[in-house]
Amino acid sequence: MTRSLLLLLLAALPTWFLAGCKSVDKVLFQPTPAALADRLPSLEVTVDNGPLAQSDGAWPDDPQKLFEREVRMNMTEPEDTLRYGYAKLLITEVSTDRQGKVLQALQLITLMTPSVLGVPLEWYHTTLKAEMQIVDARGEVLGTYTGTGESRIKVAMYHGYSQTQAPRLADVEALRLALAQIKPQVSLDAARLRDQLLAAGPVAPVAEPAEDADQDDEPSTTSAETRLLGEPASSEK
């Protein structure tokens, strides 16, 4: 009987937490507050998820969304049709672990009563290292900057996050903190980077694919055939 009750509690746990926990929607892609005093010209943004691609937390496009917002809102000038280089992000190291197994055992023994009262069930802890490069339109690396972020996201009702949301937020928050370390480094080089990016000029636009040569020749061929077929038979005499 006791075992069946514990299994029932474990099965119902995600539903309880989804109903009683905070949502990550408002904080997930929120960039760090400070912006560069000397903004860089508009840049193309690229992201390599590296080992984060194997994580069970962050979604595949989460790093791209966060980094793009950070660059557009805090590092570069307002959107321009021209791009004067690239802001490239590479995630080099990621480690995630769950903390609080003792609390989980206590929760089960007490039939989850502490959770209903707001006691945390566990924490998701992520440590992440990232590298950012500023590259001009010619492909020359103008600066490389690194940062480390460490997050600890609480799983709890009312003042924490659910077990389905916490792993994702832990990964994204660690990346946000790494970017917060990188941004002051970029700020110190901003004037130099701006001058060099502008001197190299904008990124060449991607050429549109040429139309098929056979299609280009088709109208003239068709016209010639039409003239031949349209000649009266008496012209052969």
Protein backbone atom coordinates (compact mmCIF):
# COMPACT_ATOMS: atom_id res chain seq x y z
CA MET A 1 0.00 0.00 0.00
CA THR A 2 2.77 2.41 0.96
CA ARG A 3 4.70 1.65 -2.20
CA SER A 4 1.62 2.23 -4.38
CA LEU A 5 1.00 5.57 -2.67
CA LEU A 6 4.59 6.68 -3.28
CA LEU A 7 4.34 5.76 -6.95
CA LEU A 8 1.10 7.71 -7.22
CA LEU A 9 2.74 10.76 -5.65
CA LEU A 10 5.69 10.56 -8.04
CA ALA A 11 3.34 10.35 -11.02
CA ALA A 12 1.32 13.35 -9.87
CA LEU A 13 4.34 15.46 -8.91
CA PRO A 14 4.94 17.13 -12.34
CA THR A 15 1.27 18.20 -12.54
CA TRP A 16 1.38 19.73 -9.07
CA PHE A 17 4.50 21.69 -9.84
CA LEU A 18 3.28 22.90 -13.23
CA ALA A 19 0.17 24.29 -11.57
CA GLY A 20 1.92 25.95 -8.64
CA CYS A 21 5.31 27.14 -9.96
CA LYS A 22 6.49 30.32 -11.65
CA SER A 23 6.68 30.52 -15.45
CA VAL A 24 10.01 30.96 -17.25
CA ASP A 25 8.48 32.90 -20.15
CA LYS A 26 9.28 36.37 -18.79
CA VAL A 27 12.89 35.66 -17.83
CA LEU A 28 14.12 33.08 -20.32
CA PHE A 29 15.50 35.38 -23.05
CA GLN A 30 15.86 38.57 -21.05
CA PRO A 31 19.30 40.08 -21.81
CA THR A 32 21.56 41.57 -19.17
CA PRO A 33 20.63 45.20 -18.43
CA ALA A 34 23.80 47.17 -19.25
CA ALA A 35 24.56 48.23 -22.84
CA LEU A 36 27.87 49.22 -24.43
CA ALA A 37 28.59 52.94 -24.31
CA ASP A 38 30.24 52.72 -27.75
CA ARG A 39 28.05 50.42 -29.79
CA LEU A 40 29.45 48.35 -32.63
CA PRO A 41 28.02 48.53 -36.16
CA SER A 42 25.35 46.00 -37.05
CA LEU A 43 26.67 42.40 -37.15
CA GLU A 44 25.56 38.99 -38.32
CA VAL A 45 24.98 36.65 -35.37
CA THR A 46 26.02 32.99 -35.38
CA VAL A 47 26.01 30.41 -32.55
CA ASP A 48 27.67 27.03 -32.16
CA ASN A 49 25.94 25.16 -29.32
CA GLY A 50 28.90 22.81 -28.85
CA PRO A 51 28.33 20.45 -25.89
CA LEU A 52 25.10 22.25 -24.97
CA ALA A 53 23.51 20.46 -27.93
CA GLN A 54 23.63 17.27 -25.82
CA SER A 55 21.91 18.87 -22.82
CA ASP A 56 18.47 17.77 -21.67
CA GLY A 57 17.75 21.34 -20.57
CA ALA A 58 18.16 24.09 -23.19
CA TRP A 59 16.26 23.77 -26.46
CA PRO A 60 18.37 23.82 -29.64
CA ASP A 61 17.48 27.42 -30.57
CA ASP A 62 17.65 28.86 -27.02
CA PRO A 63 21.32 30.01 -27.23
CA GLN A 64 20.71 31.65 -30.62
CA LYS A 65 17.68 33.57 -29.33
CA LEU A 66 19.42 34.79 -26.18
CA PHE A 67 22.68 35.75 -27.90
CA GLU A 68 20.90 37.54 -30.73
CA ARG A 69 18.87 39.61 -28.27
CA GLU A 70 22.00 40.41 -26.27
CA VAL A 71 23.87 41.57 -29.37
CA ARG A 72 20.99 43.53 -30.91
CA MET A 73 19.86 45.22 -27.71
CA ASN A 74 23.15 45.83 -25.89
CA MET A 75 26.13 45.65 -28.23
CA THR A 76 25.34 46.95 -31.72
CA GLU A 77 23.61 49.89 -33.33
CA PRO A 78 19.93 49.65 -34.32
CA GLU A 79 19.14 47.31 -37.18
CA ASP A 80 20.67 48.17 -40.52
CA THR A 81 20.37 46.49 -43.90
CA LEU A 82 24.17 46.34 -43.97
CA ARG A 83 26.23 44.05 -41.73
CA TYR A 84 29.82 44.95 -40.99
CA GLY A 85 31.03 41.57 -39.78
CA TYR A 86 30.03 38.80 -37.43
CA ALA A 87 29.45 38.20 -33.74
CA LYS A 88 30.18 34.50 -33.22
CA LEU A 89 29.42 32.55 -30.05
CA LEU A 90 30.88 29.15 -29.25
CA ILE A 91 29.84 27.22 -26.14
CA THR A 92 32.92 25.25 -25.11
CA GLU A 93 32.00 23.53 -21.82
CA VAL A 94 28.78 22.59 -20.04
CA SER A 95 28.13 20.58 -16.89
CA THR A 96 24.77 20.12 -15.15
CA ASP A 97 23.85 18.31 -11.96
CA ARG A 98 20.83 18.00 -9.70
CA GLN A 99 21.20 18.86 -6.03
CA GLY A 100 18.89 18.04 -3.13
CA LYS A 101 18.34 14.28 -3.19
CA VAL A 102 18.09 14.25 0.60
CA LEU A 103 15.22 16.72 0.40
CA GLN A 104 13.48 14.53 -2.18
CA ALA A 105 13.63 11.53 0.17
CA LEU A 106 12.24 13.65 2.99
CA GLN A 107 9.42 14.88 0.75
CA LEU A 108 8.39 11.35 -0.13
CA ILE A 109 8.48 10.17 3.48
CA THR A 110 6.26 13.09 4.54
CA LEU A 111 3.85 12.62 1.60
CA MET A 112 5.05 15.83 -0.11
CA THR A 113 3.75 18.04 2.70
CA PRO A 114 6.87 20.30 2.71
CA SER A 115 6.47 20.92 -1.05
CA VAL A 116 2.91 22.10 -0.57
CA LEU A 117 4.25 24.55 2.02
CA GLY A 118 6.88 25.84 -0.44
CA VAL A 119 9.96 23.89 0.65
CA PRO A 120 12.26 23.27 -2.38
CA LEU A 121 12.30 19.83 -3.89
CA GLU A 122 15.73 20.16 -5.57
CA TRP A 123 18.05 22.50 -7.49
CA TYR A 124 19.40 22.34 -11.05
CA HIS A 125 22.99 23.57 -11.20
CA THR A 126 24.67 24.38 -14.54
CA THR A 127 28.21 25.63 -15.19
CA LEU A 128 28.91 26.88 -18.71
CA LYS A 129 31.90 28.38 -20.52
CA ALA A 130 31.49 30.39 -23.71
CA GLU A 131 33.73 32.15 -26.21
CA MET A 132 32.71 35.13 -28.34
CA GLN A 133 34.55 36.38 -31.43
CA ILE A 134 34.16 39.62 -33.35
CA VAL A 135 35.04 38.99 -37.01
CA ASP A 136 35.17 41.58 -39.79
CA ALA A 137 33.68 41.21 -43.27
CA ARG A 138 37.00 39.85 -44.61
CA GLY A 139 36.99 37.00 -42.06
CA GLU A 140 39.69 38.44 -39.82
CA VAL A 141 39.19 37.82 -36.08
CA LEU A 142 39.42 41.20 -34.33
CA GLY A 143 38.84 40.00 -30.78
CA THR A 144 38.16 36.87 -28.74
CA TYR A 145 36.45 37.02 -25.34
CA THR A 146 35.55 34.30 -22.82
CA GLY A 147 33.19 34.05 -19.90
CA THR A 148 31.88 31.51 -17.38
CA GLY A 149 28.38 31.37 -16.00
CA GLU A 150 27.06 29.32 -13.08
CA SER A 151 23.35 29.00 -12.32
CA ARG A 152 21.35 27.34 -9.56
CA ILE A 153 17.63 27.12 -10.26
CA LYS A 154 15.25 26.07 -7.51
CA VAL A 155 12.45 23.55 -8.04
CA ALA A 156 9.65 24.61 -5.69
CA MET A 157 6.03 25.61 -5.63
CA TYR A 158 5.05 29.30 -5.52
CA HIS A 159 8.58 30.78 -5.54
CA GLY A 160 10.47 28.28 -7.72
CA TYR A 161 10.15 26.52 -11.07
CA SER A 162 8.79 23.15 -12.14
CA GLN A 163 10.93 20.12 -12.84
CA THR A 164 10.16 20.47 -16.56
CA GLN A 165 11.15 24.16 -16.72
CA ALA A 166 14.08 24.32 -14.29
CA PRO A 167 16.65 22.39 -16.41
CA ARG A 168 16.03 24.66 -19.41
CA LEU A 169 16.22 27.83 -17.35
CA ALA A 170 19.40 26.63 -15.62
CA ASP A 171 21.21 26.25 -18.96
CA VAL A 172 19.99 29.57 -20.36
CA GLU A 173 20.74 31.44 -17.12
CA ALA A 174 24.30 30.06 -17.09
CA LEU A 175 24.77 31.32 -20.65
CA ARG A 176 23.34 34.72 -19.72
CA LEU A 177 25.84 35.01 -16.84
CA ALA A 178 28.69 34.02 -19.16
CA LEU A 179 27.64 36.77 -21.58
CA ALA A 180 27.54 39.20 -18.67
CA GLN A 181 31.25 38.46 -18.12
CA ILE A 182 32.05 38.83 -21.82
CA LYS A 183 30.30 42.16 -22.36
CA PRO A 184 32.69 44.32 -20.25
CA GLN A 185 35.64 42.84 -22.16
CA VAL A 186 34.04 43.83 -25.46
CA SER A 187 33.31 47.29 -24.05
CA LEU A 188 37.02 47.90 -23.42
CA ASP A 189 37.78 47.20 -27.10
CA ALA A 190 34.61 48.78 -28.52
CA ALA A 191 36.23 51.86 -30.06
CA ARG A 192 38.96 49.81 -31.78
CA LEU A 193 36.50 47.15 -32.94
CA ARG A 194 34.16 49.75 -34.37
CA ASP A 195 36.90 51.45 -36.39
CA GLN A 196 38.22 48.16 -37.77
CA LEU A 197 34.77 46.81 -38.65
CA LEU A 198 33.86 49.98 -40.54
CA ALA A 199 37.26 50.06 -42.28
CA ALA A 200 36.75 46.51 -43.59
CA GLY A 201 33.39 47.47 -45.04
CA PRO A 202 30.07 45.62 -45.05
CA VAL A 203 29.57 41.93 -45.62
CA ALA A 204 28.99 41.20 -49.31
CA PRO A 205 25.36 40.34 -50.02
CA VAL A 206 24.61 36.75 -50.90
CA ALA A 207 24.25 36.45 -54.68
CA GLU A 208 20.91 35.16 -55.89
CA PRO A 209 21.11 31.92 -57.90
CA ALA A 210 21.27 32.54 -61.65
CA GLU A 211 18.39 31.33 -63.76
CA ASP A 212 18.87 28.17 -65.76
CA ALA A 213 20.61 28.88 -69.07
CA ASP A 214 18.25 26.53 -70.88
CA GLN A 215 15.32 28.57 -69.62
CA ASP A 216 16.98 31.77 -70.93
CA ASP A 217 17.37 30.27 -74.40
CA GLU A 218 13.91 28.77 -74.51
CA PRO A 219 11.97 31.84 -75.74
CA SER A 220 14.22 32.41 -78.81
CA THR A 221 14.20 28.71 -79.71
CA THR A 222 10.48 28.55 -79.39
CA SER A 223 10.12 31.67 -81.56
CA ALA A 224 12.29 30.19 -84.32
CA GLU A 225 10.33 26.96 -84.30
CA THR A 226 7.09 28.93 -84.47
CA ARG A 227 8.26 30.80 -87.59
CA LEU A 228 9.25 27.56 -89.33
CA LEU A 229 6.02 25.84 -88.48
CA GLY A 230 4.04 28.91 -89.50
CA GLU A 231 5.45 29.11 -93.04
CA PRO A 232 3.01 28.02 -95.76
CA ALA A 233 3.68 24.77 -97.53
CA SER A 234 3.85 26.60 -100.91
CA SER A 235 7.10 28.30 -99.81
CA GLU A 236 8.95 25.02 -100.36
CA LYS A 237 8.21 25.10 -104.13
